[in-house]
Amino acid sequence: MPGCPILEMGNTVVGETVFFSVVIPTYNRQPILEKCLRALEVQELSASSPVNEYEIVLVDDGSTDGTLDWLLAHKEEFPHVRWFEQDHAGPAAARNLGVKQALGDTIIFIDSDLVVLPNFLQAHADALMQGREKLGSRETVLSADRFFTYGAVVNTCNFDHPTSEPYKITDFSAAFFATGNVAIAKHWLEKAGLFDTRFQLYGWEDLELGVRLKKLGLKLIKCPAAVGYHWHPPFNLEQIPRLIDQEIQRGRMGVLFYQKHPSWEVRMMIQMTWLHRLLWGILSLNGTLNERTMAPFLQWLINLGKPQLALEVARIFLNWYNVQGVYAAYSEGVGSGE
């Protein structure tokens, strides 16, 4: 599947076509992965689209739910999919493998629980072309792809019809680079050094790469027309232990993030400031409002059919666990920095 790059480094020829490689790490998500892949197989590209080809690079991170057996049994239904597998090593390592195996000049990262609209690839392509023309008009041609496009992500717990979920204020993200829905030239990922595989626990591996991309001078271009619907099961009390563990893991990985980039901006991102300790300490009454004391109220909200609101309320003590995890990990000297 030949592709023509947006920009060929080392010369002054800007290409007119794009070859997308959609890189997707997955781990034990077969039911929603099926919806994810089917949505990508029915992409609608305009006659004048710069996308001359696309592939889906799926990396199975050691799933134990029969993901690859299912895919093998249905491979004729997914002509764009090439898949690879690795022992369970986390999303950073899985994405790195996907990038290395990708044939395209432009990488789109999404997660395996994201269901996109039929115009998803076209929207990213249009934004990339517009960004290239804008930057190319005032910079050297070798800087004409010094940017990436970032689509919209809408959170939903509607498994049957995930794309019917409306956009909510809680769906807003201020992240510079996040792998839920982003398109970027492959050579910039390689120049930045790909993902740091020391981020083996939950969180921060994509935002840490974003810091390195920003240092290379890349710009963020919002692409609201490229919409992905991030599915997660409706919140219930049985999920709380796992969510608490994720927050503790995120705290530990946040410290590794800070060791690599010791700046005030990163401290704010990982909640390692006196302000965050004070804020979540007050809101949680110094941990008094926790998974045990708030369980009756959370269950009441769930019974009212408001699981998302219950989850937002639960974030009061989840953030408290995160801040506690950050400072515990920092006192232990987690990671080795650079």
C-alpha atoms as a PDB file:
ATOM      1  CA  MET A   1       0.000   0.000   0.000  1.00  0.00           C
ATOM      2  CA  PRO A   2       2.053   2.943  -1.240  1.00  0.00           C
ATOM      3  CA  GLY A   3       1.718   6.311   0.391  1.00  0.00           C
ATOM      4  CA  CYS A   4       2.905   9.801  -0.344  1.00  0.00           C
ATOM      5  CA  PRO A   5       3.940  11.828   2.728  1.00  0.00           C
ATOM      6  CA  ILE A   6       2.635  15.243   3.603  1.00  0.00           C
ATOM      7  CA  LEU A   7       6.218  16.364   3.914  1.00  0.00           C
ATOM      8  CA  GLU A   8       9.355  14.547   2.894  1.00  0.00           C
ATOM      9  CA  MET A   9      12.142  15.604   5.222  1.00  0.00           C
ATOM     10  CA  GLY A  10      15.399  16.556   3.582  1.00  0.00           C
ATOM     11  CA  ASN A  11      13.909  18.138   0.462  1.00  0.00           C
ATOM     12  CA  THR A  12      11.442  20.858  -0.402  1.00  0.00           C
ATOM     13  CA  VAL A  13       8.618  18.872  -1.939  1.00  0.00           C
ATOM     14  CA  VAL A  14       5.348  18.977  -0.057  1.00  0.00           C
ATOM     15  CA  GLY A  15       3.174  16.016  -0.994  1.00  0.00           C
ATOM     16  CA  GLU A  16      -0.511  16.167  -1.861  1.00  0.00           C
ATOM     17  CA  THR A  17      -1.696  12.879  -0.377  1.00  0.00           C
ATOM     18  CA  VAL A  18      -1.801  11.255   3.023  1.00  0.00           C
ATOM     19  CA  PHE A  19      -1.416   7.618   4.075  1.00  0.00           C
ATOM     20  CA  PHE A  20      -2.967   7.201   7.517  1.00  0.00           C
ATOM     21  CA  SER A  21      -1.937   4.486   9.954  1.00  0.00           C
ATOM     22  CA  VAL A  22      -4.499   4.313  12.776  1.00  0.00           C
ATOM     23  CA  VAL A  23      -2.579   2.842  15.727  1.00  0.00           C
ATOM     24  CA  ILE A  24      -4.718   1.172  18.394  1.00  0.00           C
ATOM     25  CA  PRO A  25      -3.415  -0.608  21.503  1.00  0.00           C
ATOM     26  CA  THR A  26      -5.892  -2.988  23.110  1.00  0.00           C
ATOM     27  CA  TYR A  27      -6.095  -5.118  26.227  1.00  0.00           C
ATOM     28  CA  ASN A  28      -9.138  -7.271  27.042  1.00  0.00           C
ATOM     29  CA  ARG A  29     -11.690  -5.060  25.273  1.00  0.00           C
ATOM     30  CA  GLN A  30     -13.032  -7.372  22.566  1.00  0.00           C
ATOM     31  CA  PRO A  31     -16.745  -6.313  22.648  1.00  0.00           C
ATOM     32  CA  ILE A  32     -16.124  -2.567  22.271  1.00  0.00           C
ATOM     33  CA  LEU A  33     -13.082  -3.178  20.036  1.00  0.00           C
ATOM     34  CA  GLU A  34     -15.454  -4.749  17.518  1.00  0.00           C
ATOM     35  CA  LYS A  35     -17.457  -1.517  17.353  1.00  0.00           C
ATOM     36  CA  CYS A  36     -14.234   0.493  17.137  1.00  0.00           C
ATOM     37  CA  LEU A  37     -12.917  -1.474  14.158  1.00  0.00           C
ATOM     38  CA  ARG A  38     -16.239  -1.608  12.316  1.00  0.00           C
ATOM     39  CA  ALA A  39     -16.553   2.171  12.512  1.00  0.00           C
ATOM     40  CA  LEU A  40     -13.093   2.565  11.001  1.00  0.00           C
ATOM     41  CA  GLU A  41     -13.908   0.164   8.167  1.00  0.00           C
ATOM     42  CA  VAL A  42     -16.801   2.326   6.908  1.00  0.00           C
ATOM     43  CA  GLN A  43     -15.002   5.643   6.590  1.00  0.00           C
ATOM     44  CA  GLU A  44     -16.402   8.041   3.992  1.00  0.00           C
ATOM     45  CA  LEU A  45     -13.714   9.838   2.006  1.00  0.00           C
ATOM     46  CA  SER A  46     -14.538  12.583  -0.488  1.00  0.00           C
ATOM     47  CA  ALA A  47     -13.525  12.297  -4.136  1.00  0.00           C
ATOM     48  CA  SER A  48     -10.971  15.056  -3.562  1.00  0.00           C
ATOM     49  CA  SER A  49      -9.702  13.636  -0.279  1.00  0.00           C
ATOM     50  CA  PRO A  50      -5.946  13.809   0.296  1.00  0.00           C
ATOM     51  CA  VAL A  51      -6.197  10.359   1.916  1.00  0.00           C
ATOM     52  CA  ASN A  52      -5.015   7.909  -0.736  1.00  0.00           C
ATOM     53  CA  GLU A  53      -4.846   4.952   1.646  1.00  0.00           C
ATOM     54  CA  TYR A  54      -5.284   4.023   5.282  1.00  0.00           C
ATOM     55  CA  GLU A  55      -4.591   1.062   7.504  1.00  0.00           C
ATOM     56  CA  ILE A  56      -5.515   0.065  11.040  1.00  0.00           C
ATOM     57  CA  VAL A  57      -2.547  -1.142  13.094  1.00  0.00           C
ATOM     58  CA  LEU A  58      -3.896  -3.056  16.084  1.00  0.00           C
ATOM     59  CA  VAL A  59      -1.488  -4.071  18.858  1.00  0.00           C
ATOM     60  CA  ASP A  60      -2.815  -6.616  21.321  1.00  0.00           C
ATOM     61  CA  ASP A  61      -1.089  -6.057  24.675  1.00  0.00           C
ATOM     62  CA  GLY A  62      -1.368  -9.621  25.940  1.00  0.00           C
ATOM     63  CA  SER A  63      -5.169  -9.891  26.077  1.00  0.00           C
ATOM     64  CA  THR A  64      -6.645 -12.963  27.744  1.00  0.00           C
ATOM     65  CA  ASP A  65     -10.230 -12.524  26.510  1.00  0.00           C
ATOM     66  CA  GLY A  66      -9.797 -14.155  23.105  1.00  0.00           C
ATOM     67  CA  THR A  67      -9.366 -10.887  21.202  1.00  0.00           C
ATOM     68  CA  LEU A  68      -6.988 -12.309  18.599  1.00  0.00           C
ATOM     69  CA  ASP A  69      -9.004 -15.517  18.165  1.00  0.00           C
ATOM     70  CA  TRP A  70     -12.075 -13.408  17.469  1.00  0.00           C
ATOM     71  CA  LEU A  71     -10.167 -11.210  15.013  1.00  0.00           C
ATOM     72  CA  LEU A  72      -8.729 -14.203  13.188  1.00  0.00           C
ATOM     73  CA  ALA A  73     -12.227 -15.687  12.816  1.00  0.00           C
ATOM     74  CA  HIS A  74     -13.533 -12.399  11.337  1.00  0.00           C
ATOM     75  CA  LYS A  75     -10.490 -11.162   9.423  1.00  0.00           C
ATOM     76  CA  GLU A  76     -12.386 -10.950   6.106  1.00  0.00           C
ATOM     77  CA  GLU A  77     -14.593  -8.271   7.652  1.00  0.00           C
ATOM     78  CA  PHE A  78     -11.597  -6.048   8.451  1.00  0.00           C
ATOM     79  CA  PRO A  79      -9.521  -5.625   5.275  1.00  0.00           C
ATOM     80  CA  HIS A  80      -7.736  -2.534   6.609  1.00  0.00           C
ATOM     81  CA  VAL A  81      -6.554  -4.204   9.830  1.00  0.00           C
ATOM     82  CA  ARG A  82      -3.045  -5.535  10.417  1.00  0.00           C
ATOM     83  CA  TRP A  83      -2.506  -6.857  13.925  1.00  0.00           C
ATOM     84  CA  PHE A  84       0.447  -7.583  16.144  1.00  0.00           C
ATOM     85  CA  GLU A  85       0.781  -8.956  19.637  1.00  0.00           C
ATOM     86  CA  GLN A  86       3.120  -8.551  22.589  1.00  0.00           C
ATOM     87  CA  ASP A  87       3.360  -9.715  26.173  1.00  0.00           C
ATOM     88  CA  HIS A  88       1.477  -7.380  28.490  1.00  0.00           C
ATOM     89  CA  ALA A  89       3.716  -4.313  28.782  1.00  0.00           C
ATOM     90  CA  GLY A  90       1.322  -1.359  28.823  1.00  0.00           C
ATOM     91  CA  PRO A  91       0.011   1.110  26.237  1.00  0.00           C
ATOM     92  CA  ALA A  92       3.304   2.971  25.787  1.00  0.00           C
ATOM     93  CA  ALA A  93       5.096  -0.138  24.537  1.00  0.00           C
ATOM     94  CA  ALA A  94       2.060  -1.154  22.464  1.00  0.00           C
ATOM     95  CA  ARG A  95       1.878   2.222  20.719  1.00  0.00           C
ATOM     96  CA  ASN A  96       5.618   2.163  20.051  1.00  0.00           C
ATOM     97  CA  LEU A  97       5.248  -1.222  18.363  1.00  0.00           C
ATOM     98  CA  GLY A  98       2.332   0.118  16.344  1.00  0.00           C
ATOM     99  CA  VAL A  99       4.315   3.129  15.143  1.00  0.00           C
ATOM    100  CA  LYS A 100       7.291   0.976  14.191  1.00  0.00           C
ATOM    101  CA  GLN A 101       5.072  -1.383  12.184  1.00  0.00           C
ATOM    102  CA  ALA A 102       3.012   1.404  10.576  1.00  0.00           C
ATOM    103  CA  LEU A 103       3.309   1.821   6.811  1.00  0.00           C
ATOM    104  CA  GLY A 104       1.757   5.271   6.741  1.00  0.00           C
ATOM    105  CA  ASP A 105       3.423   8.667   6.888  1.00  0.00           C
ATOM    106  CA  THR A 106       0.816  10.003   9.338  1.00  0.00           C
ATOM    107  CA  ILE A 107      -0.176   8.300  12.584  1.00  0.00           C
ATOM    108  CA  ILE A 108      -3.609   8.580  14.152  1.00  0.00           C
ATOM    109  CA  PHE A 109      -3.777   7.386  17.748  1.00  0.00           C
ATOM    110  CA  ILE A 110      -7.069   6.258  19.215  1.00  0.00           C
ATOM    111  CA  ASP A 111      -7.950   3.850  22.024  1.00  0.00           C
ATOM    112  CA  SER A 112      -9.739   0.558  21.456  1.00  0.00           C
ATOM    113  CA  ASP A 113     -12.840   1.766  23.316  1.00  0.00           C
ATOM    114  CA  LEU A 114     -13.351   4.705  20.941  1.00  0.00           C
ATOM    115  CA  VAL A 115     -16.070   4.617  18.261  1.00  0.00           C
ATOM    116  CA  VAL A 116     -15.692   7.219  15.530  1.00  0.00           C
ATOM    117  CA  LEU A 117     -18.027   8.834  13.015  1.00  0.00           C
ATOM    118  CA  PRO A 118     -17.843   8.009   9.271  1.00  0.00           C
ATOM    119  CA  ASN A 119     -16.128  11.341   8.492  1.00  0.00           C
ATOM    120  CA  PHE A 120     -13.396  10.805  11.101  1.00  0.00           C
ATOM    121  CA  LEU A 121     -10.430  10.282   8.764  1.00  0.00           C
ATOM    122  CA  GLN A 122     -11.653  12.925   6.318  1.00  0.00           C
ATOM    123  CA  ALA A 123     -11.931  15.490   9.128  1.00  0.00           C
ATOM    124  CA  HIS A 124      -8.375  14.857  10.305  1.00  0.00           C
ATOM    125  CA  ALA A 125      -7.115  14.993   6.699  1.00  0.00           C
ATOM    126  CA  ASP A 126      -8.862  18.307   6.051  1.00  0.00           C
ATOM    127  CA  ALA A 127      -7.413  19.806   9.244  1.00  0.00           C
ATOM    128  CA  LEU A 128      -3.922  18.559   8.370  1.00  0.00           C
ATOM    129  CA  MET A 129      -4.097  20.086   4.891  1.00  0.00           C
ATOM    130  CA  GLN A 130      -5.415  23.390   6.217  1.00  0.00           C
ATOM    131  CA  GLY A 131      -2.726  23.495   8.877  1.00  0.00           C
ATOM    132  CA  ARG A 132      -0.022  22.693   6.340  1.00  0.00           C
ATOM    133  CA  GLU A 133      -1.176  25.469   4.033  1.00  0.00           C
ATOM    134  CA  LYS A 134      -1.376  27.965   6.893  1.00  0.00           C
ATOM    135  CA  LEU A 135       2.065  27.180   8.309  1.00  0.00           C
ATOM    136  CA  GLY A 136       3.627  26.706   4.886  1.00  0.00           C
ATOM    137  CA  SER A 137       2.555  30.173   3.844  1.00  0.00           C
ATOM    138  CA  ARG A 138       4.639  31.883   6.498  1.00  0.00           C
ATOM    139  CA  GLU A 139       7.380  29.395   7.380  1.00  0.00           C
ATOM    140  CA  THR A 140       9.929  27.355   5.516  1.00  0.00           C
ATOM    141  CA  VAL A 141       8.529  24.307   3.799  1.00  0.00           C
ATOM    142  CA  LEU A 142      10.460  22.044   6.189  1.00  0.00           C
ATOM    143  CA  SER A 143       8.313  23.450   8.992  1.00  0.00           C
ATOM    144  CA  ALA A 144       5.037  23.006   7.141  1.00  0.00           C
ATOM    145  CA  ASP A 145       4.015  19.931   9.145  1.00  0.00           C
ATOM    146  CA  ARG A 146       5.242  21.092  12.537  1.00  0.00           C
ATOM    147  CA  PHE A 147       1.829  20.527  14.096  1.00  0.00           C
ATOM    148  CA  PHE A 148      -0.703  17.822  14.892  1.00  0.00           C
ATOM    149  CA  THR A 149      -4.486  17.694  14.916  1.00  0.00           C
ATOM    150  CA  TYR A 150      -6.490  16.845  17.999  1.00  0.00           C
ATOM    151  CA  GLY A 151     -10.089  15.676  17.605  1.00  0.00           C
ATOM    152  CA  ALA A 152     -12.993  15.751  20.023  1.00  0.00           C
ATOM    153  CA  VAL A 153     -13.701  12.956  22.523  1.00  0.00           C
ATOM    154  CA  VAL A 154     -17.189  12.453  23.946  1.00  0.00           C
ATOM    155  CA  ASN A 155     -17.510  10.131  26.925  1.00  0.00           C
ATOM    156  CA  THR A 156     -20.445   7.730  26.931  1.00  0.00           C
ATOM    157  CA  CYS A 157     -21.696   4.617  28.716  1.00  0.00           C
ATOM    158  CA  ASN A 158     -24.177   3.797  25.941  1.00  0.00           C
ATOM    159  CA  PHE A 159     -22.793   0.568  24.492  1.00  0.00           C
ATOM    160  CA  ASP A 160     -25.569  -0.048  21.962  1.00  0.00           C
ATOM    161  CA  HIS A 161     -25.506   3.454  20.468  1.00  0.00           C
ATOM    162  CA  PRO A 162     -22.296   5.194  21.619  1.00  0.00           C
ATOM    163  CA  THR A 163     -22.376   7.858  18.900  1.00  0.00           C
ATOM    164  CA  SER A 164     -25.761   9.149  20.093  1.00  0.00           C
ATOM    165  CA  GLU A 165     -24.203  10.748  23.190  1.00  0.00           C
ATOM    166  CA  PRO A 166     -24.261  14.587  23.179  1.00  0.00           C
ATOM    167  CA  TYR A 167     -21.167  16.635  23.981  1.00  0.00           C
ATOM    168  CA  LYS A 168     -20.995  17.644  27.640  1.00  0.00           C
ATOM    169  CA  ILE A 169     -18.952  20.236  29.503  1.00  0.00           C
ATOM    170  CA  THR A 170     -17.165  17.373  31.283  1.00  0.00           C
ATOM    171  CA  ASP A 171     -15.880  16.187  27.888  1.00  0.00           C
ATOM    172  CA  PHE A 172     -13.666  19.265  27.514  1.00  0.00           C
ATOM    173  CA  SER A 173      -9.929  18.565  27.602  1.00  0.00           C
ATOM    174  CA  ALA A 174      -7.119  21.090  27.955  1.00  0.00           C
ATOM    175  CA  ALA A 175      -4.422  18.490  27.209  1.00  0.00           C
ATOM    176  CA  PHE A 176      -1.761  19.458  24.666  1.00  0.00           C
ATOM    177  CA  PHE A 177      -1.202  15.928  23.332  1.00  0.00           C
ATOM    178  CA  ALA A 178      -3.396  12.972  24.269  1.00  0.00           C
ATOM    179  CA  THR A 179      -3.663   9.690  22.416  1.00  0.00           C
ATOM    180  CA  GLY A 180      -7.440   9.391  22.570  1.00  0.00           C
ATOM    181  CA  ASN A 181      -7.830  11.113  19.185  1.00  0.00           C
ATOM    182  CA  VAL A 182      -4.774  12.699  17.581  1.00  0.00           C
ATOM    183  CA  ALA A 183      -3.088  12.749  14.137  1.00  0.00           C
ATOM    184  CA  ILE A 184       0.618  13.513  13.702  1.00  0.00           C
ATOM    185  CA  ALA A 185       3.366  12.982  11.116  1.00  0.00           C
ATOM    186  CA  LYS A 186       5.253   9.787  11.923  1.00  0.00           C
ATOM    187  CA  HIS A 187       8.698  11.387  11.634  1.00  0.00           C
ATOM    188  CA  TRP A 188       7.956  13.772  14.528  1.00  0.00           C
ATOM    189  CA  LEU A 189       7.160  10.847  16.801  1.00  0.00           C
ATOM    190  CA  GLU A 190      10.435   9.223  15.784  1.00  0.00           C
ATOM    191  CA  LYS A 191      12.348  12.454  16.299  1.00  0.00           C
ATOM    192  CA  ALA A 192      10.834  12.895  19.776  1.00  0.00           C
ATOM    193  CA  GLY A 193      11.827   9.336  20.712  1.00  0.00           C
ATOM    194  CA  LEU A 194       8.351   7.716  20.863  1.00  0.00           C
ATOM    195  CA  PHE A 195       6.717   6.838  24.198  1.00  0.00           C
ATOM    196  CA  ASP A 196       8.774   6.212  27.328  1.00  0.00           C
ATOM    197  CA  THR A 197       8.091   2.574  28.207  1.00  0.00           C
ATOM    198  CA  ARG A 198       8.922   3.190  31.867  1.00  0.00           C
ATOM    199  CA  PHE A 199       5.326   4.422  32.104  1.00  0.00           C
ATOM    200  CA  GLN A 200       4.008   0.913  32.671  1.00  0.00           C
ATOM    201  CA  LEU A 201       1.305   1.845  35.155  1.00  0.00           C
ATOM    202  CA  TYR A 202      -1.786   3.951  34.497  1.00  0.00           C
ATOM    203  CA  GLY A 203      -1.401   7.464  33.129  1.00  0.00           C
ATOM    204  CA  TRP A 204       0.801  10.241  31.745  1.00  0.00           C
ATOM    205  CA  GLU A 205       2.755   8.450  28.992  1.00  0.00           C
ATOM    206  CA  ASP A 206       1.035  10.460  26.248  1.00  0.00           C
ATOM    207  CA  LEU A 207       1.216  13.839  27.982  1.00  0.00           C
ATOM    208  CA  GLU A 208       4.912  13.275  28.713  1.00  0.00           C
ATOM    209  CA  LEU A 209       5.543  12.699  25.011  1.00  0.00           C
ATOM    210  CA  GLY A 210       3.558  15.868  24.406  1.00  0.00           C
ATOM    211  CA  VAL A 211       6.090  17.866  26.421  1.00  0.00           C
ATOM    212  CA  ARG A 212       8.871  16.594  24.171  1.00  0.00           C
ATOM    213  CA  LEU A 213       6.852  17.377  21.045  1.00  0.00           C
ATOM    214  CA  LYS A 214       6.217  20.894  22.301  1.00  0.00           C
ATOM    215  CA  LYS A 215       9.976  21.348  22.780  1.00  0.00           C
ATOM    216  CA  LEU A 216      10.392  20.445  19.108  1.00  0.00           C
ATOM    217  CA  GLY A 217       8.137  23.373  18.270  1.00  0.00           C
ATOM    218  CA  LEU A 218       4.989  21.457  17.312  1.00  0.00           C
ATOM    219  CA  LYS A 219       1.667  23.248  17.500  1.00  0.00           C
ATOM    220  CA  LEU A 220      -1.757  21.926  18.428  1.00  0.00           C
ATOM    221  CA  ILE A 221      -4.571  22.366  15.917  1.00  0.00           C
ATOM    222  CA  LYS A 222      -8.041  21.537  17.218  1.00  0.00           C
ATOM    223  CA  CYS A 223     -10.126  19.358  14.927  1.00  0.00           C
ATOM    224  CA  PRO A 224     -13.644  19.284  16.437  1.00  0.00           C
ATOM    225  CA  ALA A 225     -15.124  17.618  13.330  1.00  0.00           C
ATOM    226  CA  ALA A 226     -13.122  14.427  14.041  1.00  0.00           C
ATOM    227  CA  VAL A 227     -15.316  13.060  16.816  1.00  0.00           C
ATOM    228  CA  GLY A 228     -14.688   9.877  18.767  1.00  0.00           C
ATOM    229  CA  TYR A 229     -17.036   8.445  21.394  1.00  0.00           C
ATOM    230  CA  HIS A 230     -15.142   6.989  24.352  1.00  0.00           C
ATOM    231  CA  TRP A 231     -17.174   4.178  25.841  1.00  0.00           C
ATOM    232  CA  HIS A 232     -16.928   3.021  29.433  1.00  0.00           C
ATOM    233  CA  PRO A 233     -19.399   0.897  31.411  1.00  0.00           C
ATOM    234  CA  PRO A 234     -21.923   2.762  33.584  1.00  0.00           C
ATOM    235  CA  PHE A 235     -20.430   3.613  36.960  1.00  0.00           C
ATOM    236  CA  ASN A 236     -21.242   1.332  39.865  1.00  0.00           C
ATOM    237  CA  LEU A 237     -19.817   0.840  43.347  1.00  0.00           C
ATOM    238  CA  GLU A 238     -17.997  -2.351  42.343  1.00  0.00           C
ATOM    239  CA  GLN A 239     -15.683  -0.253  40.147  1.00  0.00           C
ATOM    240  CA  ILE A 240     -14.413   1.884  43.023  1.00  0.00           C
ATOM    241  CA  PRO A 241     -11.470  -0.308  44.150  1.00  0.00           C
ATOM    242  CA  ARG A 242     -10.141  -0.391  40.574  1.00  0.00           C
ATOM    243  CA  LEU A 243     -10.592   3.365  40.174  1.00  0.00           C
ATOM    244  CA  ILE A 244      -8.756   4.025  43.447  1.00  0.00           C
ATOM    245  CA  ASP A 245      -5.911   1.784  42.293  1.00  0.00           C
ATOM    246  CA  GLN A 246      -5.759   3.702  39.000  1.00  0.00           C
ATOM    247  CA  GLU A 247      -5.472   7.004  40.872  1.00  0.00           C
ATOM    248  CA  ILE A 248      -2.628   5.660  43.005  1.00  0.00           C
ATOM    249  CA  GLN A 249      -0.898   4.378  39.863  1.00  0.00           C
ATOM    250  CA  ARG A 250      -1.452   7.731  38.161  1.00  0.00           C
ATOM    251  CA  GLY A 251       0.177   9.414  41.131  1.00  0.00           C
ATOM    252  CA  ARG A 252       3.268   7.215  40.843  1.00  0.00           C
ATOM    253  CA  MET A 253       3.564   7.779  37.096  1.00  0.00           C
ATOM    254  CA  GLY A 254       3.019  11.486  37.670  1.00  0.00           C
ATOM    255  CA  VAL A 255       6.169  11.579  39.787  1.00  0.00           C
ATOM    256  CA  LEU A 256       8.114   9.908  36.954  1.00  0.00           C
ATOM    257  CA  PHE A 257       6.683  12.569  34.632  1.00  0.00           C
ATOM    258  CA  TYR A 258       7.919  15.304  36.981  1.00  0.00           C
ATOM    259  CA  GLN A 259      11.358  13.733  37.325  1.00  0.00           C
ATOM    260  CA  LYS A 260      11.729  13.887  33.555  1.00  0.00           C
ATOM    261  CA  HIS A 261      10.356  17.434  33.280  1.00  0.00           C
ATOM    262  CA  PRO A 262      10.742  19.229  36.636  1.00  0.00           C
ATOM    263  CA  SER A 263       8.622  22.295  35.924  1.00  0.00           C
ATOM    264  CA  TRP A 264       5.779  24.086  37.647  1.00  0.00           C
ATOM    265  CA  GLU A 265       3.533  23.281  34.683  1.00  0.00           C
ATOM    266  CA  VAL A 266       4.045  19.539  35.227  1.00  0.00           C
ATOM    267  CA  ARG A 267       3.546  19.902  38.985  1.00  0.00           C
ATOM    268  CA  MET A 268       0.165  21.483  38.250  1.00  0.00           C
ATOM    269  CA  MET A 269      -0.732  18.708  35.792  1.00  0.00           C
ATOM    270  CA  ILE A 270       0.066  15.893  38.234  1.00  0.00           C
ATOM    271  CA  GLN A 271      -1.513  17.757  41.205  1.00  0.00           C
ATOM    272  CA  MET A 272       1.727  17.926  43.189  1.00  0.00           C
ATOM    273  CA  THR A 273       1.172  21.357  44.728  1.00  0.00           C
ATOM    274  CA  TRP A 274       0.029  22.685  48.090  1.00  0.00           C
ATOM    275  CA  LEU A 275      -3.041  24.059  46.292  1.00  0.00           C
ATOM    276  CA  HIS A 276      -4.185  20.581  45.256  1.00  0.00           C
ATOM    277  CA  ARG A 277      -3.497  19.150  48.705  1.00  0.00           C
ATOM    278  CA  LEU A 278      -5.556  21.958  50.231  1.00  0.00           C
ATOM    279  CA  LEU A 279      -8.371  21.753  47.646  1.00  0.00           C
ATOM    280  CA  TRP A 280      -8.971  18.013  47.779  1.00  0.00           C
ATOM    281  CA  GLY A 281      -8.264  17.910  51.506  1.00  0.00           C
ATOM    282  CA  ILE A 282     -11.052  20.433  52.095  1.00  0.00           C
ATOM    283  CA  LEU A 283     -13.499  18.854  49.623  1.00  0.00           C
ATOM    284  CA  SER A 284     -12.958  15.373  51.060  1.00  0.00           C
ATOM    285  CA  LEU A 285     -12.829  16.646  54.653  1.00  0.00           C
ATOM    286  CA  ASN A 286      -9.289  15.311  54.874  1.00  0.00           C
ATOM    287  CA  GLY A 287     -10.356  11.926  53.582  1.00  0.00           C
ATOM    288  CA  THR A 288     -13.480  11.617  55.736  1.00  0.00           C
ATOM    289  CA  LEU A 289     -15.622  11.667  52.601  1.00  0.00           C
ATOM    290  CA  ASN A 290     -14.397   8.456  51.037  1.00  0.00           C
ATOM    291  CA  GLU A 291     -15.593   5.305  49.270  1.00  0.00           C
ATOM    292  CA  ARG A 292     -17.179   3.990  52.467  1.00  0.00           C
ATOM    293  CA  THR A 293     -18.901   7.076  53.830  1.00  0.00           C
ATOM    294  CA  MET A 294     -20.147   8.222  50.401  1.00  0.00           C
ATOM    295  CA  ALA A 295     -21.325   4.807  49.202  1.00  0.00           C
ATOM    296  CA  PRO A 296     -25.006   5.308  50.182  1.00  0.00           C
ATOM    297  CA  PHE A 297     -25.223   8.671  48.414  1.00  0.00           C
ATOM    298  CA  LEU A 298     -23.458   7.349  45.298  1.00  0.00           C
ATOM    299  CA  GLN A 299     -25.794   4.342  45.178  1.00  0.00           C
ATOM    300  CA  TRP A 300     -28.781   6.690  45.519  1.00  0.00           C
ATOM    301  CA  LEU A 301     -27.612   8.649  42.452  1.00  0.00           C
ATOM    302  CA  ILE A 302     -27.068   5.415  40.533  1.00  0.00           C
ATOM    303  CA  ASN A 303     -30.565   4.229  41.445  1.00  0.00           C
ATOM    304  CA  LEU A 304     -31.920   7.524  40.086  1.00  0.00           C
ATOM    305  CA  GLY A 305     -30.332   6.661  36.724  1.00  0.00           C
ATOM    306  CA  LYS A 306     -27.477   9.162  37.119  1.00  0.00           C
ATOM    307  CA  PRO A 307     -24.313   7.015  37.124  1.00  0.00           C
ATOM    308  CA  GLN A 308     -22.231   9.713  35.404  1.00  0.00           C
ATOM    309  CA  LEU A 309     -23.124  12.259  38.072  1.00  0.00           C
ATOM    310  CA  ALA A 310     -22.259   9.664  40.721  1.00  0.00           C
ATOM    311  CA  LEU A 311     -18.847   9.223  39.124  1.00  0.00           C
ATOM    312  CA  GLU A 312     -18.223  12.971  39.101  1.00  0.00           C
ATOM    313  CA  VAL A 313     -19.093  13.113  42.816  1.00  0.00           C
ATOM    314  CA  ALA A 314     -16.797  10.147  43.478  1.00  0.00           C
ATOM    315  CA  ARG A 315     -13.934  12.145  41.947  1.00  0.00           C
ATOM    316  CA  ILE A 316     -13.828  14.085  45.236  1.00  0.00           C
ATOM    317  CA  PHE A 317     -12.205  11.161  47.016  1.00  0.00           C
ATOM    318  CA  LEU A 318     -10.567   9.735  43.876  1.00  0.00           C
ATOM    319  CA  ASN A 319      -8.590  12.952  43.474  1.00  0.00           C
ATOM    320  CA  TRP A 320      -7.712  12.815  47.158  1.00  0.00           C
ATOM    321  CA  TYR A 321      -6.240   9.348  46.606  1.00  0.00           C
ATOM    322  CA  ASN A 322      -4.347  10.677  43.583  1.00  0.00           C
ATOM    323  CA  VAL A 323      -2.767  13.549  45.501  1.00  0.00           C
ATOM    324  CA  GLN A 324      -1.861  11.242  48.362  1.00  0.00           C
ATOM    325  CA  GLY A 325      -0.342   8.823  45.843  1.00  0.00           C
ATOM    326  CA  VAL A 326       1.724  11.571  44.232  1.00  0.00           C
ATOM    327  CA  TYR A 327       3.309  12.645  47.501  1.00  0.00           C
ATOM    328  CA  ALA A 328       3.822   9.077  48.686  1.00  0.00           C
ATOM    329  CA  ALA A 329       5.607   8.204  45.449  1.00  0.00           C
ATOM    330  CA  TYR A 330       7.668  11.409  45.561  1.00  0.00           C
ATOM    331  CA  SER A 331       8.844  10.652  49.082  1.00  0.00           C
ATOM    332  CA  GLU A 332       9.880   7.172  47.904  1.00  0.00           C
ATOM    333  CA  GLY A 333      11.843   8.608  44.976  1.00  0.00           C
ATOM    334  CA  VAL A 334       9.869   6.688  42.338  1.00  0.00           C
ATOM    335  CA  GLY A 335      11.671   6.359  38.982  1.00  0.00           C
ATOM    336  CA  SER A 336      15.120   7.433  38.061  1.00  0.00           C
ATOM    337  CA  GLY A 337      14.419  10.479  35.932  1.00  0.00           C
ATOM    338  CA  GLU A 338      16.521  11.079  32.841  1.00  0.00           C
END
